C-alpha atoms as a PDB file:
ATOM      1  CA  MET A   1     -63.529 -55.965 -62.041  1.00  0.00           C
ATOM      2  CA  ASN A   2     -59.940 -57.013 -61.556  1.00  0.00           C
ATOM      3  CA  SER A   3     -58.693 -53.740 -63.021  1.00  0.00           C
ATOM      4  CA  ASN A   4     -60.810 -51.750 -60.519  1.00  0.00           C
ATOM      5  CA  LEU A   5     -59.473 -53.802 -57.633  1.00  0.00           C
ATOM      6  CA  GLN A   6     -55.922 -53.310 -58.758  1.00  0.00           C
ATOM      7  CA  GLU A   7     -56.536 -49.585 -59.106  1.00  0.00           C
ATOM      8  CA  THR A   8     -57.971 -49.434 -55.589  1.00  0.00           C
ATOM      9  CA  ILE A   9     -55.008 -51.332 -54.121  1.00  0.00           C
ATOM     10  CA  LYS A  10     -52.609 -49.076 -55.983  1.00  0.00           C
ATOM     11  CA  ASN A  11     -54.304 -45.938 -54.602  1.00  0.00           C
ATOM     12  CA  LYS A  12     -54.150 -47.296 -51.076  1.00  0.00           C
ATOM     13  CA  MET A  13     -50.416 -48.003 -51.435  1.00  0.00           C
ATOM     14  CA  ILE A  14     -49.841 -44.486 -52.729  1.00  0.00           C
ATOM     15  CA  MET A  15     -51.774 -43.030 -49.770  1.00  0.00           C
ATOM     16  CA  LYS A  16     -49.696 -45.086 -47.327  1.00  0.00           C
ATOM     17  CA  GLN A  17     -46.481 -43.872 -48.952  1.00  0.00           C
ATOM     18  CA  VAL A  18     -47.662 -40.278 -48.711  1.00  0.00           C
ATOM     19  CA  GLN A  19     -48.579 -40.782 -45.056  1.00  0.00           C
ATOM     20  CA  VAL A  20     -45.160 -42.273 -44.342  1.00  0.00           C
ATOM     21  CA  LEU A  21     -43.363 -39.397 -46.075  1.00  0.00           C
ATOM     22  CA  LEU A  22     -45.553 -36.846 -44.296  1.00  0.00           C
ATOM     23  CA  PHE A  23     -44.867 -38.459 -40.934  1.00  0.00           C
ATOM     24  CA  ALA A  24     -41.128 -38.502 -41.656  1.00  0.00           C
ATOM     25  CA  ALA A  25     -41.204 -34.832 -42.642  1.00  0.00           C
ATOM     26  CA  ILE A  26     -43.099 -33.938 -39.459  1.00  0.00           C
ATOM     27  CA  PHE A  27     -40.679 -35.992 -37.357  1.00  0.00           C
ATOM     28  CA  ILE A  28     -37.626 -34.381 -38.933  1.00  0.00           C
ATOM     29  CA  SER A  29     -39.174 -30.939 -38.537  1.00  0.00           C
ATOM     30  CA  ALA A  30     -39.952 -31.644 -34.913  1.00  0.00           C
ATOM     31  CA  CYS A  31     -36.429 -32.811 -34.293  1.00  0.00           C
ATOM     32  CA  ARG A  32     -35.042 -29.680 -35.845  1.00  0.00           C
ATOM     33  CA  THR A  33     -37.434 -27.532 -33.875  1.00  0.00           C
ATOM     34  CA  ASN A  34     -36.450 -29.138 -30.589  1.00  0.00           C
ATOM     35  CA  LYS A  35     -32.785 -28.642 -31.301  1.00  0.00           C
ATOM     36  CA  PRO A  36     -31.570 -25.383 -29.754  1.00  0.00           C
ATOM     37  CA  ASP A  37     -30.642 -22.716 -32.270  1.00  0.00           C
ATOM     38  CA  PHE A  38     -28.081 -21.251 -29.857  1.00  0.00           C
ATOM     39  CA  ASP A  39     -24.786 -22.379 -28.362  1.00  0.00           C
ATOM     40  CA  ALA A  40     -25.328 -21.190 -24.787  1.00  0.00           C
ATOM     41  CA  ALA A  41     -27.778 -19.227 -22.701  1.00  0.00           C
ATOM     42  CA  GLY A  42     -27.854 -17.199 -19.524  1.00  0.00           C
ATOM     43  CA  THR A  43     -29.084 -13.966 -18.003  1.00  0.00           C
ATOM     44  CA  PHE A  44     -28.110 -10.365 -18.501  1.00  0.00           C
ATOM     45  CA  GLU A  45     -26.133  -8.568 -15.806  1.00  0.00           C
ATOM     46  CA  ALA A  46     -24.838  -5.035 -15.302  1.00  0.00           C
ATOM     47  CA  THR A  47     -22.051  -3.368 -13.409  1.00  0.00           C
ATOM     48  CA  GLU A  48     -23.693  -2.427 -10.120  1.00  0.00           C
ATOM     49  CA  MET A  49     -22.209  -0.154  -7.465  1.00  0.00           C
ATOM     50  CA  THR A  50     -23.463   0.656  -3.995  1.00  0.00           C
ATOM     51  CA  VAL A  51     -23.108   4.345  -3.181  1.00  0.00           C
ATOM     52  CA  ALA A  52     -22.245   4.557   0.527  1.00  0.00           C
ATOM     53  CA  SER A  53     -21.979   7.567   2.800  1.00  0.00           C
ATOM     54  CA  GLU A  54     -18.496   9.006   3.287  1.00  0.00           C
ATOM     55  CA  ALA A  55     -19.530  11.353   6.102  1.00  0.00           C
ATOM     56  CA  ASN A  56     -21.568  11.442   9.294  1.00  0.00           C
ATOM     57  CA  GLY A  57     -24.549  13.719   9.629  1.00  0.00           C
ATOM     58  CA  LYS A  58     -28.113  14.429   8.648  1.00  0.00           C
ATOM     59  CA  ILE A  59     -29.045  14.015   4.989  1.00  0.00           C
ATOM     60  CA  ILE A  60     -30.168  17.507   3.984  1.00  0.00           C
ATOM     61  CA  SER A  61     -31.224  16.604   0.431  1.00  0.00           C
ATOM     62  CA  LEU A  62     -31.417  13.538  -1.795  1.00  0.00           C
ATOM     63  CA  ASP A  63     -33.025  14.575  -5.083  1.00  0.00           C
ATOM     64  CA  VAL A  64     -33.055  11.234  -6.859  1.00  0.00           C
ATOM     65  CA  SER A  65     -35.575   8.437  -7.329  1.00  0.00           C
ATOM     66  CA  GLU A  66     -35.457   4.802  -8.389  1.00  0.00           C
ATOM     67  CA  GLY A  67     -35.229   4.397 -12.151  1.00  0.00           C
ATOM     68  CA  GLN A  68     -33.664   7.836 -12.613  1.00  0.00           C
ATOM     69  CA  GLU A  69     -30.555   8.210 -14.739  1.00  0.00           C
ATOM     70  CA  VAL A  70     -27.568   9.844 -13.037  1.00  0.00           C
ATOM     71  CA  LYS A  71     -24.226  11.104 -14.327  1.00  0.00           C
ATOM     72  CA  ALA A  72     -20.868  10.217 -12.856  1.00  0.00           C
ATOM     73  CA  ASN A  73     -19.716  12.613 -10.099  1.00  0.00           C
ATOM     74  CA  GLU A  74     -22.820  14.770 -10.538  1.00  0.00           C
ATOM     75  CA  SER A  75     -24.110  15.728  -7.085  1.00  0.00           C
ATOM     76  CA  PHE A  76     -27.748  14.921  -6.326  1.00  0.00           C
ATOM     77  CA  GLY A  77     -27.672  14.990  -2.528  1.00  0.00           C
ATOM     78  CA  MET A  78     -25.959  16.604   0.444  1.00  0.00           C
ATOM     79  CA  ILE A  79     -25.134  15.744   4.054  1.00  0.00           C
ATOM     80  CA  ASP A  80     -25.108  18.516   6.675  1.00  0.00           C
ATOM     81  CA  THR A  81     -21.830  20.524   6.558  1.00  0.00           C
ATOM     82  CA  VAL A  82     -22.582  23.343   9.048  1.00  0.00           C
ATOM     83  CA  GLN A  83     -20.098  22.220  11.716  1.00  0.00           C
ATOM     84  CA  LEU A  84     -17.407  21.593   9.118  1.00  0.00           C
ATOM     85  CA  TYR A  85     -17.954  25.044   7.643  1.00  0.00           C
ATOM     86  CA  LEU A  86     -17.645  26.689  11.071  1.00  0.00           C
ATOM     87  CA  SER A  87     -14.435  24.757  11.729  1.00  0.00           C
ATOM     88  CA  LYS A  88     -13.084  25.980   8.415  1.00  0.00           C
ATOM     89  CA  LEU A  89     -13.892  29.613   9.299  1.00  0.00           C
ATOM     90  CA  GLN A  90     -12.055  29.229  12.615  1.00  0.00           C
ATOM     91  CA  LEU A  91      -8.999  27.783  10.876  1.00  0.00           C
ATOM     92  CA  LEU A  92      -9.013  30.608   8.342  1.00  0.00           C
ATOM     93  CA  GLN A  93      -9.031  33.118  11.182  1.00  0.00           C
ATOM     94  CA  ASN A  94      -6.118  31.329  12.866  1.00  0.00           C
ATOM     95  CA  LEU A  95      -4.229  31.312   9.599  1.00  0.00           C
ATOM     96  CA  SER A  96      -4.753  35.032   9.144  1.00  0.00           C
ATOM     97  CA  SER A  97      -3.499  35.691  12.699  1.00  0.00           C
ATOM     98  CA  VAL A  98      -0.359  33.600  12.201  1.00  0.00           C
ATOM     99  CA  ARG A  99       0.449  35.254   8.896  1.00  0.00           C
ATOM    100  CA  SER A 100       0.046  38.735  10.400  1.00  0.00           C
ATOM    101  CA  SER A 101       2.574  37.783  13.126  1.00  0.00           C
ATOM    102  CA  ARG A 102       5.212  36.996  10.550  1.00  0.00           C
ATOM    103  CA  PRO A 103       8.060  39.499  11.043  1.00  0.00           C
ATOM    104  CA  ASP A 104       9.326  41.803   8.329  1.00  0.00           C
ATOM    105  CA  ILE A 105      13.003  40.943   8.495  1.00  0.00           C
ATOM    106  CA  ASN A 106      14.184  43.815   6.299  1.00  0.00           C
ATOM    107  CA  LYS A 107      12.438  46.440   8.424  1.00  0.00           C
ATOM    108  CA  GLN A 108      13.617  44.997  11.745  1.00  0.00           C
ATOM    109  CA  ILE A 109      17.274  44.868  10.710  1.00  0.00           C
ATOM    110  CA  ALA A 110      17.186  48.243   8.959  1.00  0.00           C
ATOM    111  CA  ALA A 111      18.062  50.135  12.190  1.00  0.00           C
ATOM    112  CA  VAL A 112      21.044  47.902  12.942  1.00  0.00           C
ATOM    113  CA  ASN A 113      22.259  48.215   9.339  1.00  0.00           C
ATOM    114  CA  GLU A 114      22.060  51.990   9.680  1.00  0.00           C
ATOM    115  CA  GLN A 115      24.136  51.895  12.894  1.00  0.00           C
ATOM    116  CA  ILE A 116      26.706  49.668  11.198  1.00  0.00           C
ATOM    117  CA  ALA A 117      26.932  52.063   8.247  1.00  0.00           C
ATOM    118  CA  LYS A 118      27.554  55.028  10.609  1.00  0.00           C
ATOM    119  CA  GLN A 119      30.094  53.034  12.585  1.00  0.00           C
ATOM    120  CA  LYS A 120      31.980  52.179   9.380  1.00  0.00           C
ATOM    121  CA  LEU A 121      32.138  55.884   8.485  1.00  0.00           C
ATOM    122  CA  GLU A 122      33.447  56.646  11.970  1.00  0.00           C
ATOM    123  CA  GLN A 123      36.042  53.896  11.650  1.00  0.00           C
ATOM    124  CA  SER A 124      37.193  55.300   8.319  1.00  0.00           C
ATOM    125  CA  ARG A 125      37.392  58.827   9.794  1.00  0.00           C
ATOM    126  CA  ILE A 126      39.431  57.663  12.825  1.00  0.00           C
ATOM    127  CA  GLU A 127      41.701  55.638  10.579  1.00  0.00           C
ATOM    128  CA  ASN A 128      42.494  58.738   8.477  1.00  0.00           C
ATOM    129  CA  MET A 129      43.079  60.787  11.628  1.00  0.00           C
ATOM    130  CA  LEU A 130      45.360  58.057  12.979  1.00  0.00           C
ATOM    131  CA  LYS A 131      47.457  58.234   9.846  1.00  0.00           C
ATOM    132  CA  ALA A 132      47.669  62.014  10.231  1.00  0.00           C
ATOM    133  CA  GLY A 133      48.598  61.698  13.925  1.00  0.00           C
ATOM    134  CA  ALA A 134      45.383  63.383  15.022  1.00  0.00           C
ATOM    135  CA  ALA A 135      43.951  60.251  16.739  1.00  0.00           C
ATOM    136  CA  THR A 136      45.236  57.505  18.954  1.00  0.00           C
ATOM    137  CA  GLN A 137      45.340  53.761  18.343  1.00  0.00           C
ATOM    138  CA  LYS A 138      42.951  53.270  21.225  1.00  0.00           C
ATOM    139  CA  GLN A 139      40.312  55.391  19.506  1.00  0.00           C
ATOM    140  CA  PHE A 140      40.664  53.308  16.365  1.00  0.00           C
ATOM    141  CA  ASP A 141      40.495  50.038  18.344  1.00  0.00           C
ATOM    142  CA  ASP A 142      37.379  51.223  20.186  1.00  0.00           C
ATOM    143  CA  VAL A 143      35.503  52.117  17.016  1.00  0.00           C
ATOM    144  CA  THR A 144      36.542  48.827  15.392  1.00  0.00           C
ATOM    145  CA  SER A 145      35.358  46.871  18.439  1.00  0.00           C
ATOM    146  CA  ALA A 146      32.024  48.705  18.425  1.00  0.00           C
ATOM    147  CA  LEU A 147      31.595  47.867  14.716  1.00  0.00           C
ATOM    148  CA  ALA A 148      32.256  44.167  15.400  1.00  0.00           C
ATOM    149  CA  VAL A 149      29.627  44.202  18.186  1.00  0.00           C
ATOM    150  CA  LEU A 150      27.030  45.717  15.846  1.00  0.00           C
ATOM    151  CA  GLU A 151      27.769  43.157  13.119  1.00  0.00           C
ATOM    152  CA  SER A 152      27.464  40.362  15.696  1.00  0.00           C
ATOM    153  CA  GLN A 153      24.130  41.784  16.847  1.00  0.00           C
ATOM    154  CA  LEU A 154      22.952  41.884  13.221  1.00  0.00           C
ATOM    155  CA  ASP A 155      23.832  38.224  12.715  1.00  0.00           C
ATOM    156  CA  ALA A 156      22.057  37.230  15.925  1.00  0.00           C
ATOM    157  CA  LEU A 157      18.973  39.294  15.001  1.00  0.00           C
ATOM    158  CA  GLN A 158      18.804  37.799  11.498  1.00  0.00           C
ATOM    159  CA  SER A 159      19.133  34.276  12.884  1.00  0.00           C
ATOM    160  CA  SER A 160      16.378  34.901  15.441  1.00  0.00           C
ATOM    161  CA  LEU A 161      14.060  36.439  12.874  1.00  0.00           C
ATOM    162  CA  GLN A 162      14.695  33.575  10.440  1.00  0.00           C
ATOM    163  CA  LYS A 163      13.848  30.980  13.099  1.00  0.00           C
ATOM    164  CA  ASN A 164      10.738  32.901  14.107  1.00  0.00           C
ATOM    165  CA  THR A 165       9.665  33.181  10.474  1.00  0.00           C
ATOM    166  CA  SER A 166      10.288  29.468   9.849  1.00  0.00           C
ATOM    167  CA  SER A 167       8.232  28.569  12.919  1.00  0.00           C
ATOM    168  CA  LEU A 168       5.343  30.777  11.802  1.00  0.00           C
ATOM    169  CA  ASP A 169       5.559  29.368   8.265  1.00  0.00           C
ATOM    170  CA  ALA A 170       5.347  25.861   9.702  1.00  0.00           C
ATOM    171  CA  GLN A 171       2.275  26.848  11.743  1.00  0.00           C
ATOM    172  CA  SER A 172       0.695  28.363   8.644  1.00  0.00           C
ATOM    173  CA  TYR A 173       1.371  25.223   6.634  1.00  0.00           C
ATOM    174  CA  ALA A 174      -0.129  23.028   9.361  1.00  0.00           C
ATOM    175  CA  ILE A 175      -3.284  25.162   9.418  1.00  0.00           C
ATOM    176  CA  GLU A 176      -3.497  25.053   5.619  1.00  0.00           C
ATOM    177  CA  ILE A 177      -3.380  21.246   5.779  1.00  0.00           C
ATOM    178  CA  GLN A 178      -6.187  21.266   8.346  1.00  0.00           C
ATOM    179  CA  ILE A 179      -8.242  23.511   6.052  1.00  0.00           C
ATOM    180  CA  GLU A 180      -7.681  21.105   3.154  1.00  0.00           C
ATOM    181  CA  GLN A 181      -8.799  18.229   5.378  1.00  0.00           C
ATOM    182  CA  ILE A 182     -11.979  20.123   6.255  1.00  0.00           C
ATOM    183  CA  GLU A 183     -12.600  20.874   2.571  1.00  0.00           C
ATOM    184  CA  ASP A 184     -12.097  17.183   1.742  1.00  0.00           C
ATOM    185  CA  GLN A 185     -14.619  16.235   4.441  1.00  0.00           C
ATOM    186  CA  MET A 186     -17.061  18.800   3.069  1.00  0.00           C
ATOM    187  CA  ASP A 187     -16.604  17.417  -0.442  1.00  0.00           C
ATOM    188  CA  LYS A 188     -17.388  13.924   0.879  1.00  0.00           C
ATOM    189  CA  CYS A 189     -20.703  15.281   2.127  1.00  0.00           C
ATOM    190  CA  ARG A 190     -21.779  15.481  -1.516  1.00  0.00           C
ATOM    191  CA  ILE A 191     -23.784  12.439  -2.603  1.00  0.00           C
ATOM    192  CA  ALA A 192     -22.929  11.391  -6.150  1.00  0.00           C
ATOM    193  CA  SER A 193     -22.621   8.273  -8.277  1.00  0.00           C
ATOM    194  CA  PRO A 194     -19.148   7.133  -9.345  1.00  0.00           C
ATOM    195  CA  ILE A 195     -20.519   5.915 -12.698  1.00  0.00           C
ATOM    196  CA  ASP A 196     -23.125   6.847 -15.296  1.00  0.00           C
ATOM    197  CA  GLY A 197     -26.134   4.677 -14.679  1.00  0.00           C
ATOM    198  CA  VAL A 198     -29.643   4.187 -13.358  1.00  0.00           C
ATOM    199  CA  VAL A 199     -30.681   4.184  -9.707  1.00  0.00           C
ATOM    200  CA  MET A 200     -31.828   0.642  -8.995  1.00  0.00           C
ATOM    201  CA  THR A 201     -32.529   0.890  -5.256  1.00  0.00           C
ATOM    202  CA  LYS A 202     -32.801   3.813  -2.870  1.00  0.00           C
ATOM    203  CA  PHE A 203     -32.085   2.866   0.742  1.00  0.00           C
ATOM    204  CA  VAL A 204     -32.553   6.222   2.539  1.00  0.00           C
ATOM    205  CA  GLU A 205     -34.513   9.455   2.329  1.00  0.00           C
ATOM    206  CA  ALA A 206     -33.727  13.090   3.097  1.00  0.00           C
ATOM    207  CA  GLY A 207     -33.881  13.763   6.840  1.00  0.00           C
ATOM    208  CA  GLU A 208     -32.372  10.431   7.866  1.00  0.00           C
ATOM    209  CA  LEU A 209     -29.025  10.144   9.603  1.00  0.00           C
ATOM    210  CA  ALA A 210     -26.050   9.012   7.557  1.00  0.00           C
ATOM    211  CA  VAL A 211     -22.952   7.359   8.974  1.00  0.00           C
ATOM    212  CA  VAL A 212     -19.726   6.478   7.208  1.00  0.00           C
ATOM    213  CA  GLY A 213     -20.168   3.289   5.217  1.00  0.00           C
ATOM    214  CA  LYS A 214     -23.969   3.277   5.315  1.00  0.00           C
ATOM    215  CA  PRO A 215     -25.458   2.291   1.893  1.00  0.00           C
ATOM    216  CA  LEU A 216     -27.471   5.131   0.382  1.00  0.00           C
ATOM    217  CA  LEU A 217     -28.445   3.730  -3.018  1.00  0.00           C
ATOM    218  CA  LYS A 218     -27.461   1.232  -5.694  1.00  0.00           C
ATOM    219  CA  VAL A 219     -26.594   2.323  -9.238  1.00  0.00           C
ATOM    220  CA  ALA A 220     -26.263   0.093 -12.307  1.00  0.00           C
ATOM    221  CA  ASP A 221     -24.682   0.834 -15.670  1.00  0.00           C
ATOM    222  CA  THR A 222     -27.499  -0.200 -18.019  1.00  0.00           C
ATOM    223  CA  LYS A 223     -25.853   1.143 -21.177  1.00  0.00           C
ATOM    224  CA  ARG A 224     -23.410  -1.750 -21.297  1.00  0.00           C
ATOM    225  CA  LEU A 225     -24.792  -5.117 -20.235  1.00  0.00           C
ATOM    226  CA  TYR A 226     -23.196  -8.537 -19.951  1.00  0.00           C
ATOM    227  CA  LEU A 227     -24.725 -11.887 -20.758  1.00  0.00           C
ATOM    228  CA  ARG A 228     -23.389 -14.385 -18.246  1.00  0.00           C
ATOM    229  CA  ALA A 229     -23.520 -17.801 -19.872  1.00  0.00           C
ATOM    230  CA  TYR A 230     -22.006 -21.184 -19.061  1.00  0.00           C
ATOM    231  CA  LEU A 231     -20.036 -23.293 -21.528  1.00  0.00           C
ATOM    232  CA  THR A 232     -18.815 -26.849 -21.466  1.00  0.00           C
ATOM    233  CA  LEU A 233     -15.163 -27.681 -21.760  1.00  0.00           C
ATOM    234  CA  ALA A 234     -15.710 -28.844 -25.355  1.00  0.00           C
ATOM    235  CA  GLN A 235     -17.179 -25.461 -26.283  1.00  0.00           C
ATOM    236  CA  LEU A 236     -14.157 -23.557 -24.965  1.00  0.00           C
ATOM    237  CA  SER A 237     -12.051 -24.857 -27.843  1.00  0.00           C
ATOM    238  CA  ASP A 238     -14.264 -22.901 -30.260  1.00  0.00           C
ATOM    239  CA  ILE A 239     -13.926 -19.447 -28.682  1.00  0.00           C
ATOM    240  CA  VAL A 240     -11.279 -16.861 -27.805  1.00  0.00           C
ATOM    241  CA  LEU A 241     -11.354 -13.597 -25.900  1.00  0.00           C
ATOM    242  CA  ARG A 242     -12.596 -10.510 -27.797  1.00  0.00           C
ATOM    243  CA  GLN A 243     -14.411 -12.795 -30.243  1.00  0.00           C
ATOM    244  CA  LYS A 244     -17.554 -11.341 -31.782  1.00  0.00           C
ATOM    245  CA  MET A 245     -20.761 -13.227 -31.089  1.00  0.00           C
ATOM    246  CA  THR A 246     -24.464 -12.888 -31.776  1.00  0.00           C
ATOM    247  CA  VAL A 247     -26.544 -12.314 -28.666  1.00  0.00           C
ATOM    248  CA  TYR A 248     -30.319 -12.669 -28.553  1.00  0.00           C
ATOM    249  CA  ALA A 249     -32.476 -11.081 -25.858  1.00  0.00           C
ATOM    250  CA  ASP A 250     -35.564 -13.201 -25.253  1.00  0.00           C
ATOM    251  CA  PHE A 251     -38.779 -11.224 -24.651  1.00  0.00           C
ATOM    252  CA  GLY A 252     -41.058 -14.275 -24.758  1.00  0.00           C
ATOM    253  CA  ARG A 253     -43.527 -15.555 -27.365  1.00  0.00           C
ATOM    254  CA  ASP A 254     -40.809 -15.923 -30.000  1.00  0.00           C
ATOM    255  CA  ASN A 255     -39.999 -12.205 -29.625  1.00  0.00           C
ATOM    256  CA  ARG A 256     -36.233 -11.784 -29.705  1.00  0.00           C
ATOM    257  CA  ARG A 257     -33.833  -8.927 -30.366  1.00  0.00           C
ATOM    258  CA  GLU A 258     -30.423  -9.470 -31.868  1.00  0.00           C
ATOM    259  CA  TYR A 259     -27.280  -7.681 -30.655  1.00  0.00           C
ATOM    260  CA  GLU A 260     -23.613  -7.803 -31.526  1.00  0.00           C
ATOM    261  CA  GLY A 261     -21.656  -9.063 -28.562  1.00  0.00           C
ATOM    262  CA  LYS A 262     -18.021  -9.458 -27.631  1.00  0.00           C
ATOM    263  CA  LEU A 263     -16.557 -12.097 -25.352  1.00  0.00           C
ATOM    264  CA  ILE A 264     -14.733 -10.172 -22.624  1.00  0.00           C
ATOM    265  CA  TRP A 265     -14.207 -12.720 -19.844  1.00  0.00           C
ATOM    266  CA  ILE A 266     -13.764 -16.460 -19.382  1.00  0.00           C
ATOM    267  CA  SER A 267     -13.600 -17.910 -15.909  1.00  0.00           C
ATOM    268  CA  ASP A 268     -10.379 -19.740 -15.085  1.00  0.00           C
ATOM    269  CA  LYS A 269     -12.251 -22.159 -12.817  1.00  0.00           C
ATOM    270  CA  SER A 270     -14.942 -24.690 -13.593  1.00  0.00           C
ATOM    271  CA  GLU A 271     -18.141 -25.022 -11.581  1.00  0.00           C
ATOM    272  CA  PHE A 272     -21.247 -27.153 -11.495  1.00  0.00           C
ATOM    273  CA  THR A 273     -23.997 -26.111 -13.886  1.00  0.00           C
ATOM    274  CA  PRO A 274     -26.196 -23.519 -12.137  1.00  0.00           C
ATOM    275  CA  LYS A 275     -29.834 -24.475 -11.801  1.00  0.00           C
ATOM    276  CA  GLY A 276     -31.964 -23.199 -14.661  1.00  0.00           C
ATOM    277  CA  ILE A 277     -29.025 -22.599 -17.012  1.00  0.00           C
ATOM    278  CA  GLN A 278     -29.049 -24.426 -20.339  1.00  0.00           C
ATOM    279  CA  THR A 279     -25.920 -25.529 -22.139  1.00  0.00           C
ATOM    280  CA  LYS A 280     -25.440 -27.174 -25.486  1.00  0.00           C
ATOM    281  CA  ASP A 281     -24.651 -30.445 -23.758  1.00  0.00           C
ATOM    282  CA  ASP A 282     -26.724 -30.773 -20.604  1.00  0.00           C
ATOM    283  CA  ARG A 283     -25.096 -34.088 -19.759  1.00  0.00           C
ATOM    284  CA  GLN A 284     -21.909 -32.369 -18.659  1.00  0.00           C
ATOM    285  CA  ASN A 285     -22.002 -31.097 -15.095  1.00  0.00           C
ATOM    286  CA  LEU A 286     -18.882 -28.936 -15.027  1.00  0.00           C
ATOM    287  CA  VAL A 287     -19.043 -25.686 -16.973  1.00  0.00           C
ATOM    288  CA  TYR A 288     -17.125 -22.415 -17.275  1.00  0.00           C
ATOM    289  CA  ALA A 289     -18.748 -19.030 -16.836  1.00  0.00           C
ATOM    290  CA  VAL A 290     -18.239 -16.415 -19.563  1.00  0.00           C
ATOM    291  CA  LYS A 291     -19.362 -12.825 -20.092  1.00  0.00           C
ATOM    292  CA  ILE A 292     -20.414 -11.375 -23.446  1.00  0.00           C
ATOM    293  CA  ALA A 293     -20.744  -7.581 -23.520  1.00  0.00           C
ATOM    294  CA  ILE A 294     -23.397  -5.766 -25.561  1.00  0.00           C
ATOM    295  CA  GLU A 295     -24.342  -2.125 -26.028  1.00  0.00           C
ATOM    296  CA  ASN A 296     -27.876  -1.806 -24.696  1.00  0.00           C
ATOM    297  CA  ASP A 297     -30.453   0.162 -26.693  1.00  0.00           C
ATOM    298  CA  GLY A 298     -32.748   0.405 -23.690  1.00  0.00           C
ATOM    299  CA  TYR A 299     -34.829  -2.700 -24.366  1.00  0.00           C
ATOM    300  CA  VAL A 300     -32.712  -5.252 -22.526  1.00  0.00           C
ATOM    301  CA  LYS A 301     -33.297  -5.355 -18.777  1.00  0.00           C
ATOM    302  CA  ILE A 302     -31.154  -6.800 -16.008  1.00  0.00           C
ATOM    303  CA  GLY A 303     -32.111 -10.405 -15.261  1.00  0.00           C
ATOM    304  CA  MET A 304     -33.658 -11.077 -18.681  1.00  0.00           C
ATOM    305  CA  TYR A 305     -32.981 -14.407 -20.388  1.00  0.00           C
ATOM    306  CA  GLY A 306     -30.569 -14.324 -23.287  1.00  0.00           C
ATOM    307  CA  GLU A 307     -28.915 -16.636 -25.769  1.00  0.00           C
ATOM    308  CA  VAL A 308     -25.616 -16.515 -27.629  1.00  0.00           C
ATOM    309  CA  LYS A 309     -24.516 -18.098 -30.886  1.00  0.00           C
ATOM    310  CA  TRP A 310     -21.100 -18.234 -32.506  1.00  0.00           C
ATOM    311  CA  THR A 311     -20.834 -21.475 -34.493  1.00  0.00           C
ATOM    312  CA  GLU A 312     -21.876 -19.787 -37.734  1.00  0.00           C
ATOM    313  CA  ASN A 313     -20.128 -16.492 -37.049  1.00  0.00           C
ATOM    314  CA  ASN A 314     -16.964 -15.507 -38.811  1.00  0.00           C
ATOM    315  CA  GLN A 315     -15.320 -15.522 -35.373  1.00  0.00           C
ATOM    316  CA  GLU A 316     -13.477 -12.276 -36.031  1.00  0.00           C
ATOM    317  CA  THR A 317     -11.350 -11.001 -33.203  1.00  0.00           C
ATOM    318  CA  GLU A 318     -10.110  -7.512 -32.664  1.00  0.00           C
ATOM    319  CA  THR A 319      -6.424  -6.875 -32.895  1.00  0.00           C
ATOM    320  CA  LYS A 320      -4.790  -4.758 -30.298  1.00  0.00           C
END
């Protein structure tokens, strides 16, 4: 009887020990589970640009929709250019008229050069006659004076033609500048994105009136995203710019995707912890914003929650 009692007591003690160990294991597991497996968290952002109108006029076409991918400088819309085109035609006509008025200097001085050549022959003939006593000094002086007058007229004519030509060239250049200005204005009537990206918001439709500075649409570069996270001052001692990090995109229900990230920016000013942002040490109020860049495979969306980890990374940095 005593042996059975002792056996029963022994079994109960063993059961209590097992329960204690099981409880301790569950407690430790729970503690580990509650501990964040990341160093910082934040949301994904993209480089966004607002495409604004650079010209005034009616929007003739805008062949783009929200969610559509666009290429940099690839035109997908046009603002009315009829008046600009007509102004360009008028300037081209004016330019043609000015150029046709440009004098042909060689032709206009050809007659005077011919008279000078004849006068030089006459001067030479009179000079020979004077030496032979067949002409007078007065005849030689008269022909020499006439030659000097012709040469003076040639100089005056050349100077006048040069000034006239320079004036017409200046007018032509001024008109050419005006034509280039018109062409620049016409080029600004093209609607295009300055970057490769996706149309996030479309503010206008074809047929509406555009004015300079009016937003037309917003484009975001979704190929390269940035996780904006917030770190405590203590965490900054563990990181450097261009450091490689592991970024996790959270899709909910324990569904995460892992990406290789690179730290590209650290704020030089501290700020209070934004609402809804988790840090490794929530007791610290002042944090520093950082950006970690990733190459998006199309799954990560702007505004999604993300996490970053670097404590177990090799913390390699790129060398310039």
